[in-house]
Amino acid sequence: MKIPALAVASAIVVLAAGCGGSSGPSAASVVSRSAAATAEQKSFHVVVGVDGAALTSKSGLTLTFADGDVIVPGKMKARVGGSFLGIPLRSELVVVGAKHWLRNPLSGAWQNVSIGLGPATFFDPKTGVLPVISAAHDLKVAGSEKVGAVDCYRLTGKVPAGKIAPLVGAKAATNDLVPIELWIGKRDSLLYRVRVDGPLAAGDAKNATRTVELSNFGERVVITAPRGT
């Protein structure tokens, strides 16, 4: 007996689905769940890395590295690296709301500074990273990778430079679409890493990269203004 080709094709589709042949969740659904889950977090550890560019400010502080804790919406305490008025710098930074303090590496005293990157800006519910990635263009699930010990979906897409630049401490020189990569936990849907490739601001190298990595969600953190400030 000859079996119609259409019936054979249908059977293959059914068997493939039953044996795990599905391609998994869509990029839109992964990002949507991540935006909701990550927005609920009140504290986390953050590492910011910049290569071929810098987080600059009017005060003369240029950051290329930050490693510390954040309390949403507006507190951060971190070890930072970069330069201050052109002098190489390794120090500490404390952010409480709109106030920012940098420890002078020579005197040990805290002084007020201005920075282009802060937790309140990064996690603003209307213009922060979560609404920006939710509206990203050409989102695709590019595979699976681990961030630390966490199994993550790795997604690729593009975002307007003008929307992502302020969130990584840059002043966009263009509003062209720039490549973005996201690493989102498979089990908890939390956002673990964001990477933006290419130049955003004037003076950036063509291969500039900016990476923000998140971890230790929900751990108890205490951040206060430095004593004597």
Protein backbone atom coordinates (compact mmCIF):
# COMPACT_ATOMS: atom_id res chain seq x y z
CA MET A 1 0.00 0.00 0.00
CA LYS A 2 1.39 3.39 -0.97
CA ILE A 3 1.26 6.02 1.80
CA PRO A 4 0.59 9.60 0.61
CA ALA A 5 3.58 11.92 0.90
CA LEU A 6 1.54 14.44 2.92
CA ALA A 7 0.77 11.81 5.57
CA VAL A 8 4.46 10.91 5.84
CA ALA A 9 5.43 14.56 6.27
CA SER A 10 2.77 15.05 8.95
CA ALA A 11 3.96 11.99 10.85
CA ILE A 12 7.56 13.26 10.81
CA VAL A 13 6.48 16.61 12.24
CA VAL A 14 4.52 14.93 15.05
CA LEU A 15 7.38 12.57 15.91
CA ALA A 16 9.93 15.40 15.90
CA ALA A 17 7.81 17.43 18.31
CA GLY A 18 7.38 14.46 20.62
CA CYS A 19 11.13 13.77 20.67
CA GLY A 20 12.18 17.31 21.58
CA GLY A 21 12.57 18.59 18.06
CA SER A 22 10.99 21.91 19.01
CA SER A 23 13.31 24.90 18.68
CA GLY A 24 12.43 26.12 22.17
CA PRO A 25 10.92 29.41 23.35
CA SER A 26 10.87 32.42 21.08
CA ALA A 27 13.28 35.29 21.68
CA ALA A 28 10.35 37.63 22.35
CA SER A 29 8.94 35.38 25.08
CA VAL A 30 12.37 34.90 26.72
CA VAL A 31 12.97 38.67 26.86
CA SER A 32 9.43 39.40 28.02
CA ARG A 33 9.73 36.98 30.94
CA SER A 34 13.19 38.33 31.76
CA ALA A 35 11.99 41.94 31.87
CA ALA A 36 9.27 40.97 34.36
CA ALA A 37 11.49 38.74 36.54
CA THR A 38 14.49 41.10 36.63
CA ALA A 39 12.33 44.13 37.42
CA GLU A 40 11.27 42.45 40.67
CA GLN A 41 14.84 42.20 41.98
CA LYS A 42 15.81 44.67 44.69
CA SER A 43 19.54 43.95 44.97
CA PHE A 44 22.34 42.30 43.01
CA HIS A 45 26.07 42.32 42.31
CA VAL A 46 27.23 44.09 39.16
CA VAL A 47 30.43 44.09 37.13
CA VAL A 48 30.83 46.68 34.38
CA GLY A 49 33.61 46.27 31.84
CA VAL A 50 34.55 48.69 29.06
CA ASP A 51 37.04 48.00 26.28
CA GLY A 52 37.94 50.49 23.56
CA ALA A 53 35.79 53.19 25.18
CA ALA A 54 35.18 54.71 28.61
CA LEU A 55 32.47 55.92 30.97
CA THR A 56 33.23 59.64 31.04
CA SER A 57 31.88 62.57 33.05
CA LYS A 58 32.16 66.34 33.24
CA SER A 59 34.05 66.05 36.53
CA GLY A 60 37.04 64.45 34.80
CA LEU A 61 36.31 60.94 36.03
CA THR A 62 36.72 58.24 33.39
CA LEU A 63 35.73 54.71 34.34
CA THR A 64 36.66 51.53 32.50
CA PHE A 65 35.71 49.08 35.24
CA ALA A 66 33.29 48.81 38.18
CA ASP A 67 32.65 45.88 40.52
CA GLY A 68 30.16 46.20 43.35
CA ASP A 69 26.66 45.92 44.78
CA VAL A 70 23.45 47.67 43.82
CA ILE A 71 20.23 48.33 45.70
CA VAL A 72 17.42 49.27 43.31
CA PRO A 73 16.54 51.94 42.45
CA GLY A 74 19.42 54.22 43.33
CA LYS A 75 22.24 52.89 45.54
CA MET A 76 25.59 51.44 44.53
CA LYS A 77 28.92 50.74 46.20
CA ALA A 78 31.74 49.54 43.97
CA ARG A 79 35.45 49.24 43.37
CA VAL A 80 36.26 51.23 40.23
CA GLY A 81 39.14 51.64 37.83
CA GLY A 82 39.94 54.23 35.20
CA SER A 83 41.40 57.72 35.45
CA PHE A 84 40.66 61.02 37.16
CA LEU A 85 41.82 64.17 35.37
CA GLY A 86 44.04 61.94 33.25
CA ILE A 87 45.71 60.19 36.20
CA PRO A 88 45.29 56.36 36.45
CA LEU A 89 42.85 55.52 39.20
CA ARG A 90 41.87 52.59 41.42
CA SER A 91 39.36 53.58 44.04
CA GLU A 92 35.88 53.18 45.52
CA LEU A 93 32.62 54.76 44.43
CA VAL A 94 29.40 55.19 46.43
CA VAL A 95 26.10 56.28 44.90
CA VAL A 96 23.06 57.20 46.98
CA GLY A 97 20.32 58.68 44.84
CA ALA A 98 21.62 61.69 42.94
CA LYS A 99 24.78 61.95 45.06
CA HIS A 100 28.06 60.28 44.08
CA TRP A 101 31.25 60.04 46.14
CA LEU A 102 34.71 58.90 45.07
CA ARG A 103 37.42 58.04 47.59
CA ASN A 104 40.56 60.01 46.86
CA PRO A 105 43.24 57.31 46.45
CA LEU A 106 45.93 59.61 47.91
CA SER A 107 44.21 61.16 50.93
CA GLY A 108 41.54 58.52 51.52
CA ALA A 109 38.93 61.29 51.80
CA TRP A 110 35.59 61.09 50.03
CA GLN A 111 34.75 63.76 47.47
CA ASN A 112 31.69 64.52 45.39
CA VAL A 113 31.89 63.59 41.72
CA SER A 114 29.58 63.30 38.73
CA ILE A 115 29.32 60.06 36.77
CA GLY A 116 27.44 59.13 33.63
CA LEU A 117 26.35 55.74 34.90
CA GLY A 118 24.14 55.04 37.89
CA PRO A 119 21.70 52.34 38.99
CA ALA A 120 18.71 54.69 38.86
CA THR A 121 19.35 55.38 35.16
CA PHE A 122 20.13 51.77 34.28
CA PHE A 123 16.94 50.44 35.88
CA ASP A 124 14.55 53.27 35.14
CA PRO A 125 11.18 51.53 34.42
CA LYS A 126 10.52 53.69 31.35
CA THR A 127 13.92 54.30 29.77
CA GLY A 128 16.23 51.77 31.46
CA VAL A 129 17.77 48.59 30.16
CA LEU A 130 14.67 46.40 30.56
CA PRO A 131 12.32 48.42 28.32
CA VAL A 132 15.17 48.98 25.84
CA ILE A 133 15.91 45.27 25.40
CA SER A 134 12.18 44.47 25.29
CA ALA A 135 11.92 46.70 22.20
CA ALA A 136 15.12 45.41 20.55
CA HIS A 137 15.12 44.73 16.80
CA ASP A 138 15.76 41.36 15.13
CA LEU A 139 15.97 39.42 18.41
CA LYS A 140 17.06 35.81 18.01
CA VAL A 141 17.95 32.97 20.36
CA ALA A 142 21.53 32.31 19.24
CA GLY A 143 22.20 29.34 21.52
CA SER A 144 22.94 28.45 25.13
CA GLU A 145 25.89 29.48 27.31
CA LYS A 146 26.75 29.60 30.98
CA VAL A 147 27.33 32.78 32.92
CA GLY A 148 29.17 31.50 35.95
CA ALA A 149 27.25 28.37 36.90
CA VAL A 150 23.94 29.55 35.40
CA ASP A 151 22.59 28.01 32.19
CA CYS A 152 21.44 30.86 29.98
CA TYR A 153 19.85 31.54 26.64
CA ARG A 154 22.12 33.79 24.56
CA LEU A 155 20.15 36.21 22.45
CA THR A 156 21.30 38.61 19.77
CA GLY A 157 19.61 41.70 18.40
CA LYS A 158 20.03 45.40 17.74
CA VAL A 159 19.07 48.54 19.64
CA PRO A 160 19.23 52.25 18.77
CA ALA A 161 22.52 53.73 20.00
CA GLY A 162 20.68 56.73 21.39
CA LYS A 163 18.66 54.55 23.78
CA ILE A 164 21.35 52.18 25.03
CA ALA A 165 24.26 54.67 25.27
CA PRO A 166 23.06 56.56 28.41
CA LEU A 167 22.60 53.23 30.20
CA VAL A 168 26.29 52.34 29.80
CA GLY A 169 27.65 55.81 30.57
CA ALA A 170 28.08 57.06 27.01
CA LYS A 171 26.77 60.01 25.01
CA ALA A 172 25.66 58.63 21.67
CA ALA A 173 27.18 60.18 18.55
CA THR A 174 24.56 58.45 16.37
CA ASN A 175 21.19 56.78 16.66
CA ASP A 176 22.09 53.89 14.36
CA LEU A 177 21.22 50.36 15.40
CA VAL A 178 24.08 48.66 17.27
CA PRO A 179 24.52 44.95 18.08
CA ILE A 180 23.48 43.76 21.52
CA GLU A 181 23.78 40.36 23.20
CA LEU A 182 21.76 39.16 26.19
CA TRP A 183 22.28 36.21 28.51
CA ILE A 184 19.06 35.22 30.29
CA GLY A 185 18.72 32.41 32.84
CA LYS A 186 16.78 29.41 31.57
CA ARG A 187 15.26 28.56 34.95
CA ASP A 188 14.72 31.94 36.57
CA SER A 189 14.46 34.25 33.50
CA LEU A 190 16.82 36.75 35.14
CA LEU A 191 19.11 38.94 33.05
CA TYR A 192 22.72 37.92 33.78
CA ARG A 193 24.70 39.75 31.12
CA VAL A 194 24.30 42.52 28.56
CA ARG A 195 26.96 43.26 25.96
CA VAL A 196 26.94 46.10 23.43
CA ASP A 197 29.43 45.96 20.56
CA GLY A 198 30.73 48.77 18.42
CA PRO A 199 31.20 52.53 18.86
CA LEU A 200 28.51 54.53 20.61
CA ALA A 201 30.24 57.81 21.45
CA ALA A 202 32.70 59.99 19.58
CA GLY A 203 36.21 58.65 20.09
CA ASP A 204 35.16 55.03 20.62
CA ALA A 205 37.19 52.38 18.83
CA LYS A 206 35.44 50.46 16.06
CA ASN A 207 35.69 47.28 18.14
CA ALA A 208 34.60 48.92 21.41
CA THR A 209 32.63 46.72 23.80
CA ARG A 210 30.63 47.45 26.93
CA THR A 211 29.53 44.61 29.20
CA VAL A 212 27.32 44.62 32.28
CA GLU A 213 27.15 41.36 34.26
CA LEU A 214 24.67 40.75 37.10
CA SER A 215 24.69 38.11 39.86
CA ASN A 216 23.79 37.46 43.52
CA PHE A 217 20.21 38.57 43.07
CA GLY A 218 18.26 39.23 46.26
CA GLU A 219 21.18 39.07 48.69
CA ARG A 220 21.02 41.44 51.65
CA VAL A 221 23.09 44.55 50.96
CA VAL A 222 23.53 47.70 53.05
CA ILE A 223 24.72 50.88 51.33
CA THR A 224 24.94 54.27 53.04
CA ALA A 225 26.64 57.58 52.36
CA PRO A 226 30.29 57.63 53.46
CA ARG A 227 30.93 58.95 56.96
CA GLY A 228 31.66 62.63 57.16
CA THR A 229 30.05 63.55 53.83
